PDB file of N, CA and C in Angstrom:
ATOM      1  N   MET A   1     -46.475  10.368   3.944  1.00  0.00           N
ATOM      2  CA  MET A   1     -45.402   9.509   3.521  1.00  0.00           C
ATOM      3  C   MET A   1     -44.503   9.237   4.724  1.00  0.00           C
ATOM      4  N   SER A   2     -44.235   8.014   4.995  1.00  0.00           N
ATOM      5  CA  SER A   2     -43.415   7.637   6.134  1.00  0.00           C
ATOM      6  C   SER A   2     -42.209   6.834   5.656  1.00  0.00           C
ATOM      7  N   PHE A   3     -41.068   7.204   6.155  1.00  0.00           N
ATOM      8  CA  PHE A   3     -39.842   6.496   5.816  1.00  0.00           C
ATOM      9  C   PHE A   3     -39.352   5.742   7.033  1.00  0.00           C
ATOM     10  N   GLN A   4     -38.756   4.616   6.811  1.00  0.00           N
ATOM     11  CA  GLN A   4     -38.190   3.821   7.890  1.00  0.00           C
ATOM     12  C   GLN A   4     -36.676   3.985   7.834  1.00  0.00           C
ATOM     13  N   TYR A   5     -36.090   4.584   8.846  1.00  0.00           N
ATOM     14  CA  TYR A   5     -34.652   4.739   8.915  1.00  0.00           C
ATOM     15  C   TYR A   5     -34.067   3.543   9.652  1.00  0.00           C
ATOM     16  N   GLU A   6     -32.779   3.311   9.463  1.00  0.00           N
ATOM     17  CA  GLU A   6     -32.166   2.136  10.068  1.00  0.00           C
ATOM     18  C   GLU A   6     -32.177   2.193  11.592  1.00  0.00           C
ATOM     19  N   HIS A   7     -32.298   3.392  12.170  1.00  0.00           N
ATOM     20  CA  HIS A   7     -32.314   3.531  13.619  1.00  0.00           C
ATOM     21  C   HIS A   7     -33.692   3.223  14.212  1.00  0.00           C
ATOM     22  N   GLN A   8     -34.686   3.065  13.379  1.00  0.00           N
ATOM     23  CA  GLN A   8     -36.048   2.927  13.873  1.00  0.00           C
ATOM     24  C   GLN A   8     -36.574   1.506  13.739  1.00  0.00           C
ATOM     25  N   SER A   9     -37.379   1.139  14.697  1.00  0.00           N
ATOM     26  CA  SER A   9     -38.174  -0.073  14.604  1.00  0.00           C
ATOM     27  C   SER A   9     -39.615   0.386  14.518  1.00  0.00           C
ATOM     28  N   GLN A  10     -40.404  -0.239  13.698  1.00  0.00           N
ATOM     29  CA  GLN A  10     -41.780   0.185  13.467  1.00  0.00           C
ATOM     30  C   GLN A  10     -42.563   0.297  14.772  1.00  0.00           C
ATOM     31  N   GLY A  11     -42.859   1.525  15.184  1.00  0.00           N
ATOM     32  CA  GLY A  11     -43.698   1.759  16.350  1.00  0.00           C
ATOM     33  C   GLY A  11     -43.054   1.455  17.687  1.00  0.00           C
ATOM     34  N   ILE A  12     -41.758   1.234  17.711  1.00  0.00           N
ATOM     35  CA  ILE A  12     -41.076   0.868  18.948  1.00  0.00           C
ATOM     36  C   ILE A  12     -39.946   1.848  19.217  1.00  0.00           C
ATOM     37  N   PHE A  13     -39.904   2.370  20.443  1.00  0.00           N
ATOM     38  CA  PHE A  13     -38.782   3.193  20.868  1.00  0.00           C
ATOM     39  C   PHE A  13     -37.888   2.338  21.751  1.00  0.00           C
ATOM     40  N   LEU A  14     -36.668   2.159  21.316  1.00  0.00           N
ATOM     41  CA  LEU A  14     -35.693   1.420  22.105  1.00  0.00           C
ATOM     42  C   LEU A  14     -35.094   2.350  23.152  1.00  0.00           C
ATOM     43  N   ASN A  15     -34.306   1.790  24.071  1.00  0.00           N
ATOM     44  CA  ASN A  15     -33.706   2.602  25.130  1.00  0.00           C
ATOM     45  C   ASN A  15     -32.870   3.743  24.570  1.00  0.00           C
ATOM     46  N   ASP A  16     -32.081   3.474  23.537  1.00  0.00           N
ATOM     47  CA  ASP A  16     -31.269   4.526  22.930  1.00  0.00           C
ATOM     48  C   ASP A  16     -32.140   5.609  22.310  1.00  0.00           C
ATOM     49  N   ASP A  17     -33.232   5.224  21.685  1.00  0.00           N
ATOM     50  CA  ASP A  17     -34.165   6.193  21.110  1.00  0.00           C
ATOM     51  C   ASP A  17     -34.698   7.118  22.203  1.00  0.00           C
ATOM     52  N   MET A  18     -35.133   6.527  23.292  1.00  0.00           N
ATOM     53  CA  MET A  18     -35.706   7.308  24.390  1.00  0.00           C
ATOM     54  C   MET A  18     -34.661   8.229  25.018  1.00  0.00           C
ATOM     55  N   ARG A  19     -33.435   7.761  25.127  1.00  0.00           N
ATOM     56  CA  ARG A  19     -32.364   8.569  25.702  1.00  0.00           C
ATOM     57  C   ARG A  19     -32.112   9.806  24.832  1.00  0.00           C
ATOM     58  N   ILE A  20     -32.062   9.623  23.532  1.00  0.00           N
ATOM     59  CA  ILE A  20     -31.821  10.733  22.602  1.00  0.00           C
ATOM     60  C   ILE A  20     -32.961  11.740  22.654  1.00  0.00           C
ATOM     61  N   VAL A  21     -34.183  11.256  22.567  1.00  0.00           N
ATOM     62  CA  VAL A  21     -35.360  12.131  22.583  1.00  0.00           C
ATOM     63  C   VAL A  21     -35.453  12.880  23.914  1.00  0.00           C
ATOM     64  N   GLN A  22     -35.262  12.171  25.025  1.00  0.00           N
ATOM     65  CA  GLN A  22     -35.336  12.801  26.349  1.00  0.00           C
ATOM     66  C   GLN A  22     -34.239  13.842  26.535  1.00  0.00           C
ATOM     67  N   SER A  23     -33.048  13.540  26.054  1.00  0.00           N
ATOM     68  CA  SER A  23     -31.930  14.479  26.171  1.00  0.00           C
ATOM     69  C   SER A  23     -32.219  15.765  25.403  1.00  0.00           C
ATOM     70  N   ALA A  24     -32.721  15.639  24.190  1.00  0.00           N
ATOM     71  CA  ALA A  24     -33.039  16.823  23.389  1.00  0.00           C
ATOM     72  C   ALA A  24     -34.169  17.623  24.023  1.00  0.00           C
ATOM     73  N   TYR A  25     -35.204  16.946  24.449  1.00  0.00           N
ATOM     74  CA  TYR A  25     -36.346  17.617  25.078  1.00  0.00           C
ATOM     75  C   TYR A  25     -35.893  18.362  26.336  1.00  0.00           C
ATOM     76  N   SER A  26     -35.165  17.694  27.192  1.00  0.00           N
ATOM     77  CA  SER A  26     -34.711  18.308  28.447  1.00  0.00           C
ATOM     78  C   SER A  26     -33.780  19.485  28.180  1.00  0.00           C
ATOM     79  N   GLY A  27     -32.928  19.344  27.167  1.00  0.00           N
ATOM     80  CA  GLY A  27     -32.014  20.429  26.837  1.00  0.00           C
ATOM     81  C   GLY A  27     -32.735  21.691  26.409  1.00  0.00           C
ATOM     82  N   VAL A  28     -33.783  21.546  25.640  1.00  0.00           N
ATOM     83  CA  VAL A  28     -34.535  22.717  25.178  1.00  0.00           C
ATOM     84  C   VAL A  28     -35.357  23.313  26.320  1.00  0.00           C
ATOM     85  N   ILE A  29     -36.017  22.478  27.081  1.00  0.00           N
ATOM     86  CA  ILE A  29     -36.858  22.963  28.175  1.00  0.00           C
ATOM     87  C   ILE A  29     -36.029  23.665  29.249  1.00  0.00           C
ATOM     88  N   SER A  30     -34.804  23.213  29.470  1.00  0.00           N
ATOM     89  CA  SER A  30     -33.974  23.783  30.536  1.00  0.00           C
ATOM     90  C   SER A  30     -33.308  25.100  30.143  1.00  0.00           C
ATOM     91  N   GLU A  31     -33.413  25.504  28.889  1.00  0.00           N
ATOM     92  CA  GLU A  31     -32.828  26.777  28.463  1.00  0.00           C
ATOM     93  C   GLU A  31     -33.569  27.946  29.102  1.00  0.00           C
ATOM     94  N   GLN A  32     -32.894  29.078  29.123  1.00  0.00           N
ATOM     95  CA  GLN A  32     -33.514  30.295  29.627  1.00  0.00           C
ATOM     96  C   GLN A  32     -34.471  30.828  28.565  1.00  0.00           C
ATOM     97  N   TRP A  33     -35.751  30.816  28.867  1.00  0.00           N
ATOM     98  CA  TRP A  33     -36.762  31.313  27.948  1.00  0.00           C
ATOM     99  C   TRP A  33     -37.473  32.488  28.593  1.00  0.00           C
ATOM    100  N   GLU A  34     -37.922  33.400  27.778  1.00  0.00           N
ATOM    101  CA  GLU A  34     -38.721  34.505  28.276  1.00  0.00           C
ATOM    102  C   GLU A  34     -40.125  33.982  28.581  1.00  0.00           C
ATOM    103  N   SER A  35     -40.978  34.856  29.029  1.00  0.00           N
ATOM    104  CA  SER A  35     -42.332  34.438  29.421  1.00  0.00           C
ATOM    105  C   SER A  35     -43.107  33.817  28.266  1.00  0.00           C
ATOM    106  N   LEU A  36     -42.723  34.129  27.033  1.00  0.00           N
ATOM    107  CA  LEU A  36     -43.396  33.550  25.872  1.00  0.00           C
ATOM    108  C   LEU A  36     -42.690  32.296  25.374  1.00  0.00           C
ATOM    109  N   GLY A  37     -42.018  31.598  26.261  1.00  0.00           N
ATOM    110  CA  GLY A  37     -41.281  30.400  25.868  1.00  0.00           C
ATOM    111  C   GLY A  37     -42.193  29.324  25.303  1.00  0.00           C
ATOM    112  N   PRO A  38     -41.601  28.296  24.742  1.00  0.00           N
ATOM    113  CA  PRO A  38     -42.394  27.268  24.067  1.00  0.00           C
ATOM    114  C   PRO A  38     -43.215  26.421  25.033  1.00  0.00           C
ATOM    115  N   ASP A  39     -44.323  25.954  24.560  1.00  0.00           N
ATOM    116  CA  ASP A  39     -45.163  25.026  25.303  1.00  0.00           C
ATOM    117  C   ASP A  39     -44.455  23.665  25.320  1.00  0.00           C
ATOM    118  N   THR A  40     -44.445  23.013  26.470  1.00  0.00           N
ATOM    119  CA  THR A  40     -43.721  21.743  26.585  1.00  0.00           C
ATOM    120  C   THR A  40     -44.259  20.680  25.633  1.00  0.00           C
ATOM    121  N   ALA A  41     -45.550  20.664  25.396  1.00  0.00           N
ATOM    122  CA  ALA A  41     -46.125  19.692  24.458  1.00  0.00           C
ATOM    123  C   ALA A  41     -45.663  19.965  23.029  1.00  0.00           C
ATOM    124  N   ASP A  42     -45.556  21.251  22.667  1.00  0.00           N
ATOM    125  CA  ASP A  42     -45.062  21.598  21.335  1.00  0.00           C
ATOM    126  C   ASP A  42     -43.614  21.155  21.152  1.00  0.00           C
ATOM    127  N   VAL A  43     -42.818  21.337  22.191  1.00  0.00           N
ATOM    128  CA  VAL A  43     -41.417  20.911  22.133  1.00  0.00           C
ATOM    129  C   VAL A  43     -41.341  19.400  21.955  1.00  0.00           C
ATOM    130  N   ALA A  44     -42.119  18.667  22.721  1.00  0.00           N
ATOM    131  CA  ALA A  44     -42.112  17.206  22.625  1.00  0.00           C
ATOM    132  C   ALA A  44     -42.516  16.739  21.224  1.00  0.00           C
ATOM    133  N   ARG A  45     -43.572  17.327  20.684  1.00  0.00           N
ATOM    134  CA  ARG A  45     -44.013  16.948  19.342  1.00  0.00           C
ATOM    135  C   ARG A  45     -42.951  17.253  18.293  1.00  0.00           C
ATOM    136  N   TYR A  46     -42.311  18.413  18.415  1.00  0.00           N
ATOM    137  CA  TYR A  46     -41.296  18.797  17.439  1.00  0.00           C
ATOM    138  C   TYR A  46     -40.083  17.861  17.520  1.00  0.00           C
ATOM    139  N   VAL A  47     -39.640  17.555  18.730  1.00  0.00           N
ATOM    140  CA  VAL A  47     -38.504  16.647  18.909  1.00  0.00           C
ATOM    141  C   VAL A  47     -38.817  15.284  18.287  1.00  0.00           C
ATOM    142  N   LEU A  48     -39.980  14.763  18.564  1.00  0.00           N
ATOM    143  CA  LEU A  48     -40.356  13.460  18.000  1.00  0.00           C
ATOM    144  C   LEU A  48     -40.454  13.503  16.478  1.00  0.00           C
ATOM    145  N   ARG A  49     -40.988  14.589  15.936  1.00  0.00           N
ATOM    146  CA  ARG A  49     -41.114  14.714  14.486  1.00  0.00           C
ATOM    147  C   ARG A  49     -39.738  14.771  13.819  1.00  0.00           C
ATOM    148  N   MET A  50     -38.819  15.543  14.392  1.00  0.00           N
ATOM    149  CA  MET A  50     -37.482  15.639  13.810  1.00  0.00           C
ATOM    150  C   MET A  50     -36.711  14.327  13.976  1.00  0.00           C
ATOM    151  N   TYR A  51     -36.923  13.642  15.083  1.00  0.00           N
ATOM    152  CA  TYR A  51     -36.288  12.334  15.271  1.00  0.00           C
ATOM    153  C   TYR A  51     -36.801  11.356  14.219  1.00  0.00           C
ATOM    154  N   ASP A  52     -38.080  11.396  13.982  1.00  0.00           N
ATOM    155  CA  ASP A  52     -38.689  10.531  12.969  1.00  0.00           C
ATOM    156  C   ASP A  52     -38.156  10.841  11.574  1.00  0.00           C
ATOM    157  N   ARG A  53     -37.757  12.074  11.346  1.00  0.00           N
ATOM    158  CA  ARG A  53     -37.215  12.467  10.035  1.00  0.00           C
ATOM    159  C   ARG A  53     -35.726  12.160   9.898  1.00  0.00           C
ATOM    160  N   GLY A  54     -35.133  11.585  10.947  1.00  0.00           N
ATOM    161  CA  GLY A  54     -33.762  11.116  10.817  1.00  0.00           C
ATOM    162  C   GLY A  54     -32.704  11.869  11.583  1.00  0.00           C
ATOM    163  N   ILE A  55     -33.079  12.867  12.362  1.00  0.00           N
ATOM    164  CA  ILE A  55     -32.090  13.578  13.171  1.00  0.00           C
ATOM    165  C   ILE A  55     -31.963  12.815  14.484  1.00  0.00           C
ATOM    166  N   VAL A  56     -30.938  11.980  14.566  1.00  0.00           N
ATOM    167  CA  VAL A  56     -30.814  11.052  15.694  1.00  0.00           C
ATOM    168  C   VAL A  56     -29.635  11.378  16.608  1.00  0.00           C
ATOM    169  N   ASP A  57     -28.944  12.474  16.346  1.00  0.00           N
ATOM    170  CA  ASP A  57     -27.884  12.928  17.238  1.00  0.00           C
ATOM    171  C   ASP A  57     -28.516  13.876  18.258  1.00  0.00           C
ATOM    172  N   ALA A  58     -28.341  13.586  19.540  1.00  0.00           N
ATOM    173  CA  ALA A  58     -29.013  14.356  20.591  1.00  0.00           C
ATOM    174  C   ALA A  58     -28.630  15.830  20.560  1.00  0.00           C
ATOM    175  N   ASP A  59     -27.352  16.134  20.341  1.00  0.00           N
ATOM    176  CA  ASP A  59     -26.922  17.539  20.309  1.00  0.00           C
ATOM    177  C   ASP A  59     -27.511  18.279  19.119  1.00  0.00           C
ATOM    178  N   LYS A  60     -27.490  17.663  17.968  1.00  0.00           N
ATOM    179  CA  LYS A  60     -28.074  18.297  16.777  1.00  0.00           C
ATOM    180  C   LYS A  60     -29.575  18.486  16.944  1.00  0.00           C
ATOM    181  N   LEU A  61     -30.225  17.494  17.519  1.00  0.00           N
ATOM    182  CA  LEU A  61     -31.667  17.569  17.743  1.00  0.00           C
ATOM    183  C   LEU A  61     -31.998  18.688  18.720  1.00  0.00           C
ATOM    184  N   THR A  62     -31.197  18.833  19.761  1.00  0.00           N
ATOM    185  CA  THR A  62     -31.400  19.909  20.736  1.00  0.00           C
ATOM    186  C   THR A  62     -31.213  21.272  20.085  1.00  0.00           C
ATOM    187  N   ARG A  63     -30.135  21.427  19.328  1.00  0.00           N
ATOM    188  CA  ARG A  63     -29.863  22.718  18.676  1.00  0.00           C
ATOM    189  C   ARG A  63     -30.937  23.079  17.662  1.00  0.00           C
ATOM    190  N   LEU A  64     -31.352  22.106  16.871  1.00  0.00           N
ATOM    191  CA  LEU A  64     -32.382  22.360  15.871  1.00  0.00           C
ATOM    192  C   LEU A  64     -33.701  22.763  16.533  1.00  0.00           C
ATOM    193  N   THR A  65     -34.082  22.053  17.562  1.00  0.00           N
ATOM    194  CA  THR A  65     -35.335  22.351  18.261  1.00  0.00           C
ATOM    195  C   THR A  65     -35.276  23.727  18.912  1.00  0.00           C
ATOM    196  N   SER A  66     -34.156  24.028  19.556  1.00  0.00           N
ATOM    197  CA  SER A  66     -33.989  25.340  20.177  1.00  0.00           C
ATOM    198  C   SER A  66     -34.070  26.449  19.136  1.00  0.00           C
ATOM    199  N   LEU A  67     -33.392  26.265  18.024  1.00  0.00           N
ATOM    200  CA  LEU A  67     -33.421  27.255  16.951  1.00  0.00           C
ATOM    201  C   LEU A  67     -34.835  27.450  16.416  1.00  0.00           C
ATOM    202  N   HIS A  68     -35.555  26.357  16.248  1.00  0.00           N
ATOM    203  CA  HIS A  68     -36.927  26.432  15.750  1.00  0.00           C
ATOM    204  C   HIS A  68     -37.797  27.291  16.668  1.00  0.00           C
ATOM    205  N   PHE A  69     -37.715  27.052  17.973  1.00  0.00           N
ATOM    206  CA  PHE A  69     -38.579  27.776  18.902  1.00  0.00           C
ATOM    207  C   PHE A  69     -38.087  29.200  19.143  1.00  0.00           C
ATOM    208  N   ARG A  70     -36.797  29.444  19.042  1.00  0.00           N
ATOM    209  CA  ARG A  70     -36.308  30.826  19.130  1.00  0.00           C
ATOM    210  C   ARG A  70     -36.783  31.632  17.918  1.00  0.00           C
ATOM    211  N   ARG A  71     -36.797  30.993  16.752  1.00  0.00           N
ATOM    212  CA  ARG A  71     -37.300  31.657  15.546  1.00  0.00           C
ATOM    213  C   ARG A  71     -38.787  31.977  15.696  1.00  0.00           C
ATOM    214  N   ARG A  72     -39.553  31.020  16.222  1.00  0.00           N
ATOM    215  CA  ARG A  72     -40.991  31.269  16.441  1.00  0.00           C
ATOM    216  C   ARG A  72     -41.208  32.411  17.420  1.00  0.00           C
ATOM    217  N   LEU A  73     -40.385  32.461  18.478  1.00  0.00           N
ATOM    218  CA  LEU A  73     -40.496  33.533  19.465  1.00  0.00           C
ATOM    219  C   LEU A  73     -40.174  34.879  18.814  1.00  0.00           C
ATOM    220  N   HIS A  74     -39.151  34.891  17.982  1.00  0.00           N
ATOM    221  CA  HIS A  74     -38.763  36.126  17.284  1.00  0.00           C
ATOM    222  C   HIS A  74     -39.906  36.617  16.378  1.00  0.00           C
ATOM    223  N   ILE A  75     -40.530  35.698  15.666  1.00  0.00           N
ATOM    224  CA  ILE A  75     -41.649  36.047  14.781  1.00  0.00           C
ATOM    225  C   ILE A  75     -42.820  36.596  15.597  1.00  0.00           C
ATOM    226  N   LEU A  76     -43.107  35.974  16.731  1.00  0.00           N
ATOM    227  CA  LEU A  76     -44.200  36.465  17.577  1.00  0.00           C
ATOM    228  C   LEU A  76     -43.906  37.874  18.085  1.00  0.00           C
ATOM    229  N   ARG A  77     -42.658  38.110  18.416  1.00  0.00           N
ATOM    230  CA  ARG A  77     -42.292  39.387  18.993  1.00  0.00           C
ATOM    231  C   ARG A  77     -42.211  40.496  17.940  1.00  0.00           C
ATOM    232  N   TYR A  78     -41.602  40.201  16.810  1.00  0.00           N
ATOM    233  CA  TYR A  78     -41.317  41.261  15.838  1.00  0.00           C
ATOM    234  C   TYR A  78     -42.114  41.165  14.542  1.00  0.00           C
ATOM    235  N   GLY A  79     -42.901  40.123  14.416  1.00  0.00           N
ATOM    236  CA  GLY A  79     -43.755  40.003  13.245  1.00  0.00           C
ATOM    237  C   GLY A  79     -43.082  39.518  12.070  1.00  0.00           C
TER     238      GLY A  79
END
């Protein structure tokens, strides 16, 4: 099921879209991660998926993505 949000154009990323996605991606990748940090491709896919679901604020997108991967790291470490 795919929803079209007002910020989206079908299959097109505008400059503002790219700026938001790049900012969130760079923010997560630049954080201090341990050796088991997230794979860059996984981060990119997650950022794009959350953007597609309507999270279009760069700071919120960065925090959500960081939280997601910190939770995954915690699960890997402690089960």
